[in-house]
Structure formats: structure tokens, C-alpha cells
Amino acid sequence: MGSSIRLRSADGFEFGAWHAAPSRPKAGVVVIQEIFGVNGHIREVVEGYAQAGYAALAPQIFDRVEANVELGYTEADMGRGMELALQKLQMQNTLTDLQAAVDHAAAQGRVGVVGYCFGGLLAWLAACELKGVAAASSYYGGGVAGEAGRSPNCPVIMHFGELDAFIPLADVDKVKAAHPDVPVHVYPADHGFNCDHRASYHAPSAALARRRTLDFFQEHLA
């Protein structure tokens, strides 16, 4: 169903994205990758949102530093992904590229953003900083607690795993305290519980979080 497209940022930079859409989309969804790039799993997530009725796309935000990055889930892959995401990317450029993706998706109407892992942080920043985001769903966003002082410009829903060693529950509580109006759901699962390519995949939590996200988008994007 999906295909590769090209996007252009406000500064003229061109980058790739994976896109999929039904014949009559009800809205747009921007899917923000984990630290592993727009790999097979993220393409499947995009196609899953297309099957749910949305024109969905996942921008290749690593293209700024290395084109067409697709990593697996080994320890070496994680190390490389963290280097790309946390050391080489410049956040302002990343937000500029995400704005281009939101603008592209806006051709289909309102735009929701959903992000996983590093993308969960970016989904939160998109809700706070970008124009045209109508709703955002953040999955186990590492670093969200450190950005909890920001204020979102649209409704946001969040998902965390209570077994997540990367995001302690104290950080989740910090987010809850800073934003009592934001639904923050905690699942009996580990980091990455949505990804069925990882050992940490937890099917019941993934299904419930997806249902909550789809209901949330139906409410705010319709």
C-alpha cells in the first residue's frame, strides 16, 4: 500500500518519507520514528494508520545527517541510533522537517501526530511548537519529563510502560503533575511495547494504546 515520497523543508532541504493512504482519507497522520529510522516496523505503522482511514506518512528525520537510515534492534543498532538522534541531529532542523511533514499531511484536513521512543518526545515538541497539529499521541517519549515545562497547543495523549527502565515512573509522575489535563496511560509493559519486531513487544498493551489513540484522533481530527 505504501510508497516513498519526497518532502521539502522551509530551508530547501529535501528528505524522504514513507506514505500510505486510503482512497478517501478522513484526516492526516504524521508518524514519527524511533531512533531506528523509518524501518520496516515504522512503515507497517504508517500502513496501519492508512488502513484506519488516514493519509499517513513517516518523515525520514535522519536524512539530515545520513540518508535512508534503517536499523534493527540489536545493541549495536541502538548505539548507532542514539548517536544519530542525540548527538548528530539538530533539534531545530528536526522540527523544521516535521513542520514540512505536517504541512504536507494538512492537504487531507486536520493533522494528528503520533511518535514512538525518540519520536514520542518529538510528538510532544510538535504539539508545543509546530503549526497545524490538531492532536498528538506520544508513546514512551524519553525526555518528555525534561520538557514538561512546555505547554501544548493541541490535545495530547501519552502512553508509558511501568517496566520501562529508560523512563522511570518518577518521570511519568512529573509529567502528570505538570499537565493534569493530559491523559497519561501507564501499561504493564516495557519500553517499546508497541513494536512487534522487538522482544519488549506486549500485544495487549499495544492494542489498547492503539485503540485509545484511534479514538483520540477520531475525536479531535474528525
Protein backbone atom coordinates (compact mmCIF):
# COMPACT_ATOMS: atom_id res chain seq x y z
CA MET A 1 0.00 0.00 0.00
CA GLY A 2 2.75 2.45 0.91
CA SER A 3 5.33 4.26 -1.20
CA SER A 4 8.29 6.56 -0.82
CA ILE A 5 7.79 10.29 -1.39
CA ARG A 6 9.98 13.38 -1.14
CA LEU A 7 9.32 16.40 1.07
CA ARG A 8 10.94 19.83 1.13
CA SER A 9 11.55 21.85 4.28
CA ALA A 10 11.28 25.61 4.58
CA ASP A 11 15.07 25.91 4.26
CA GLY A 12 15.04 23.96 0.99
CA PHE A 13 16.32 20.65 2.38
CA GLU A 14 14.78 17.61 0.67
CA PHE A 15 14.19 14.37 2.53
CA GLY A 16 12.29 11.14 2.17
CA ALA A 17 9.13 9.87 3.78
CA TRP A 18 7.03 6.71 3.68
CA HIS A 19 3.43 7.44 2.72
CA ALA A 20 0.23 5.42 2.61
CA ALA A 21 -3.40 6.49 2.28
CA PRO A 22 -6.86 5.09 1.58
CA SER A 23 -8.84 6.37 -1.40
CA ARG A 24 -10.77 8.83 0.78
CA PRO A 25 -8.72 9.86 3.83
CA LYS A 26 -10.59 11.35 6.75
CA ALA A 27 -7.53 13.28 8.02
CA GLY A 28 -3.75 13.20 8.04
CA VAL A 29 -1.38 11.50 10.48
CA VAL A 30 2.36 12.08 10.80
CA VAL A 31 4.16 9.06 12.28
CA ILE A 32 7.45 9.94 13.97
CA GLN A 33 10.09 7.23 14.01
CA GLU A 34 12.01 5.66 16.86
CA ILE A 35 15.80 6.05 16.96
CA PHE A 36 15.94 3.18 14.44
CA GLY A 37 14.87 5.22 11.42
CA VAL A 38 11.96 4.66 9.07
CA ASN A 39 12.46 0.91 9.08
CA GLY A 40 10.09 -1.95 8.34
CA HIS A 41 8.21 -1.53 11.60
CA ILE A 42 7.57 2.19 11.10
CA ARG A 43 6.40 1.54 7.54
CA GLU A 44 3.96 -1.00 8.96
CA VAL A 45 2.71 1.59 11.47
CA VAL A 46 2.13 4.06 8.63
CA GLU A 47 0.19 1.45 6.68
CA GLY A 48 -1.81 0.59 9.80
CA TYR A 49 -2.99 4.18 10.10
CA ALA A 50 -3.84 4.19 6.40
CA GLN A 51 -5.96 1.10 6.95
CA ALA A 52 -7.71 3.01 9.76
CA GLY A 53 -8.67 5.72 7.26
CA TYR A 54 -5.86 8.25 7.49
CA ALA A 55 -3.39 9.63 4.98
CA ALA A 56 -0.26 8.74 6.95
CA LEU A 57 3.40 9.47 6.42
CA ALA A 58 6.65 8.94 8.32
CA PRO A 59 9.34 11.54 7.59
CA GLN A 60 12.93 10.31 7.48
CA ILE A 61 14.25 12.76 10.03
CA PHE A 62 17.72 11.19 10.00
CA ASP A 63 18.18 12.25 6.36
CA ARG A 64 19.70 15.49 7.66
CA VAL A 65 22.76 13.53 8.80
CA GLU A 66 22.52 10.26 6.86
CA ALA A 67 20.06 9.28 4.13
CA ASN A 68 17.72 6.30 4.31
CA VAL A 69 18.71 5.01 7.74
CA GLU A 70 17.05 1.70 8.64
CA LEU A 71 18.27 -0.02 11.79
CA GLY A 72 17.32 -3.19 13.60
CA TYR A 73 17.08 -3.71 17.35
CA THR A 74 20.45 -5.13 18.35
CA GLU A 75 22.62 -3.43 20.93
CA ALA A 76 24.83 -2.09 18.14
CA ASP A 77 21.78 -0.71 16.30
CA MET A 78 20.61 1.00 19.47
CA GLY A 79 24.00 2.60 19.97
CA ARG A 80 24.07 3.90 16.42
CA GLY A 81 20.51 5.15 16.63
CA MET A 82 21.22 7.03 19.84
CA GLU A 83 24.29 8.60 18.27
CA LEU A 84 22.26 9.80 15.29
CA ALA A 85 19.33 11.05 17.35
CA LEU A 86 21.08 12.56 20.34
CA GLN A 87 24.47 13.66 19.01
CA LYS A 88 24.17 14.41 15.30
CA LEU A 89 20.66 15.75 14.77
CA GLN A 90 19.99 19.42 15.46
CA MET A 91 16.58 19.79 17.08
CA GLN A 92 15.63 22.95 15.23
CA ASN A 93 16.28 21.27 11.87
CA THR A 94 14.27 18.25 13.00
CA LEU A 95 11.31 20.42 13.94
CA THR A 96 11.60 22.22 10.60
CA ASP A 97 11.38 18.88 8.80
CA LEU A 98 8.46 17.78 10.94
CA GLN A 99 6.68 21.02 10.10
CA ALA A 100 7.10 20.18 6.41
CA ALA A 101 5.56 16.76 7.06
CA VAL A 102 2.62 18.31 8.94
CA ASP A 103 2.09 20.82 6.14
CA HIS A 104 2.06 18.01 3.58
CA ALA A 105 -0.44 16.00 5.62
CA ALA A 106 -2.67 19.06 6.04
CA ALA A 107 -3.78 18.66 2.43
CA GLN A 108 -6.08 15.93 3.80
CA GLY A 109 -7.59 18.09 6.56
CA ARG A 110 -6.66 18.13 10.22
CA VAL A 111 -3.38 16.54 11.23
CA GLY A 112 -2.55 14.23 14.11
CA VAL A 113 0.98 13.33 15.17
CA VAL A 114 2.00 10.03 16.76
CA GLY A 115 5.54 9.24 17.83
CA TYR A 116 7.40 6.37 19.45
CA CYS A 117 10.52 6.42 21.68
CA PHE A 118 12.56 9.41 20.42
CA GLY A 119 9.51 10.12 18.28
CA GLY A 120 7.42 10.23 21.45
CA LEU A 121 9.48 13.20 22.61
CA LEU A 122 9.18 14.77 19.17
CA ALA A 123 5.41 14.28 19.18
CA TRP A 124 5.27 16.27 22.43
CA LEU A 125 7.50 19.01 20.99
CA ALA A 126 5.41 19.07 17.83
CA ALA A 127 2.28 19.63 19.92
CA CYS A 128 4.02 22.51 21.68
CA GLU A 129 5.97 24.12 18.84
CA LEU A 130 4.54 23.34 15.39
CA LYS A 131 1.69 24.91 13.48
CA GLY A 132 -1.23 22.87 12.25
CA VAL A 133 -1.07 19.95 14.71
CA ALA A 134 -4.61 19.19 15.91
CA ALA A 135 -3.80 16.27 18.23
CA ALA A 136 -0.74 14.30 19.34
CA SER A 137 -0.14 10.83 20.78
CA SER A 138 3.21 10.23 22.48
CA TYR A 139 4.45 6.69 23.15
CA TYR A 140 7.17 6.24 25.80
CA GLY A 141 8.84 9.50 24.93
CA GLY A 142 12.26 9.60 26.52
CA GLY A 143 12.97 13.16 27.62
CA VAL A 144 9.35 14.31 27.87
CA ALA A 145 9.72 14.84 31.61
CA GLY A 146 12.60 17.21 30.93
CA GLU A 147 10.36 19.20 28.57
CA ALA A 148 7.30 19.13 30.83
CA GLY A 149 7.53 22.88 31.34
CA ARG A 150 6.28 23.44 27.79
CA SER A 151 2.60 23.98 27.01
CA PRO A 152 0.89 22.08 24.18
CA ASN A 153 -1.20 23.93 21.64
CA CYS A 154 -3.46 20.94 21.00
CA PRO A 155 -4.85 17.93 22.87
CA VAL A 156 -2.23 15.32 23.76
CA ILE A 157 -2.41 11.72 24.98
CA MET A 158 0.58 9.81 26.36
CA HIS A 159 1.48 6.16 26.84
CA PHE A 160 4.22 4.75 29.11
CA GLY A 161 5.27 1.29 30.30
CA GLU A 162 5.59 0.69 34.02
CA LEU A 163 8.52 -1.70 33.39
CA ASP A 164 10.44 0.83 31.29
CA ALA A 165 13.98 1.18 32.67
CA PHE A 166 14.64 4.14 30.36
CA ILE A 167 11.72 6.20 31.69
CA PRO A 168 11.24 5.78 35.46
CA LEU A 169 7.77 6.17 36.89
CA ALA A 170 9.02 9.22 38.77
CA ASP A 171 9.37 10.92 35.37
CA VAL A 172 5.87 9.83 34.41
CA ASP A 173 4.57 11.32 37.67
CA LYS A 174 6.39 14.56 36.85
CA VAL A 175 4.56 14.75 33.52
CA LYS A 176 1.23 14.01 35.20
CA ALA A 177 1.79 16.72 37.80
CA ALA A 178 2.80 19.31 35.19
CA HIS A 179 -0.15 18.53 32.89
CA PRO A 180 -3.11 17.13 34.84
CA ASP A 181 -5.35 17.72 31.81
CA VAL A 182 -3.27 15.40 29.60
CA PRO A 183 -4.39 11.74 29.67
CA VAL A 184 -1.31 9.75 30.70
CA HIS A 185 -1.77 5.98 30.47
CA VAL A 186 0.63 3.51 32.08
CA TYR A 187 0.69 -0.08 30.82
CA PRO A 188 2.09 -3.32 32.32
CA ALA A 189 4.83 -3.30 29.72
CA ASP A 190 8.41 -2.35 28.90
CA HIS A 191 9.88 0.32 26.65
CA GLY A 192 8.99 -0.27 23.00
CA PHE A 193 5.87 -2.29 23.82
CA ASN A 194 4.17 -1.23 20.60
CA CYS A 195 6.84 -2.72 18.31
CA ASP A 196 6.17 -6.33 17.35
CA HIS A 197 9.72 -6.58 15.98
CA ARG A 198 11.18 -6.26 19.48
CA ALA A 199 11.38 -8.64 22.42
CA SER A 200 9.68 -5.98 24.55
CA TYR A 201 6.51 -6.13 22.44
CA HIS A 202 3.41 -6.52 24.61
CA ALA A 203 0.38 -7.24 22.44
CA PRO A 204 -2.40 -6.35 24.95
CA SER A 205 -0.78 -3.01 25.77
CA ALA A 206 -0.10 -2.25 22.11
CA ALA A 207 -3.70 -3.00 21.16
CA LEU A 208 -5.13 -0.87 23.97
CA ALA A 209 -2.82 2.07 23.27
CA ARG A 210 -3.67 1.93 19.57
CA ARG A 211 -7.39 1.89 20.33
CA ARG A 212 -7.02 4.85 22.66
CA THR A 213 -5.01 6.73 20.04
CA LEU A 214 -7.50 5.99 17.27
CA ASP A 215 -10.39 7.09 19.50
CA PHE A 216 -8.45 10.23 20.40
CA PHE A 217 -7.78 11.04 16.74
CA GLN A 218 -11.40 10.33 15.83
CA GLU A 219 -12.46 12.86 18.45
CA HIS A 220 -10.02 15.60 17.52
CA LEU A 221 -9.38 15.12 13.80
CA ALA A 222 -12.88 14.41 12.51
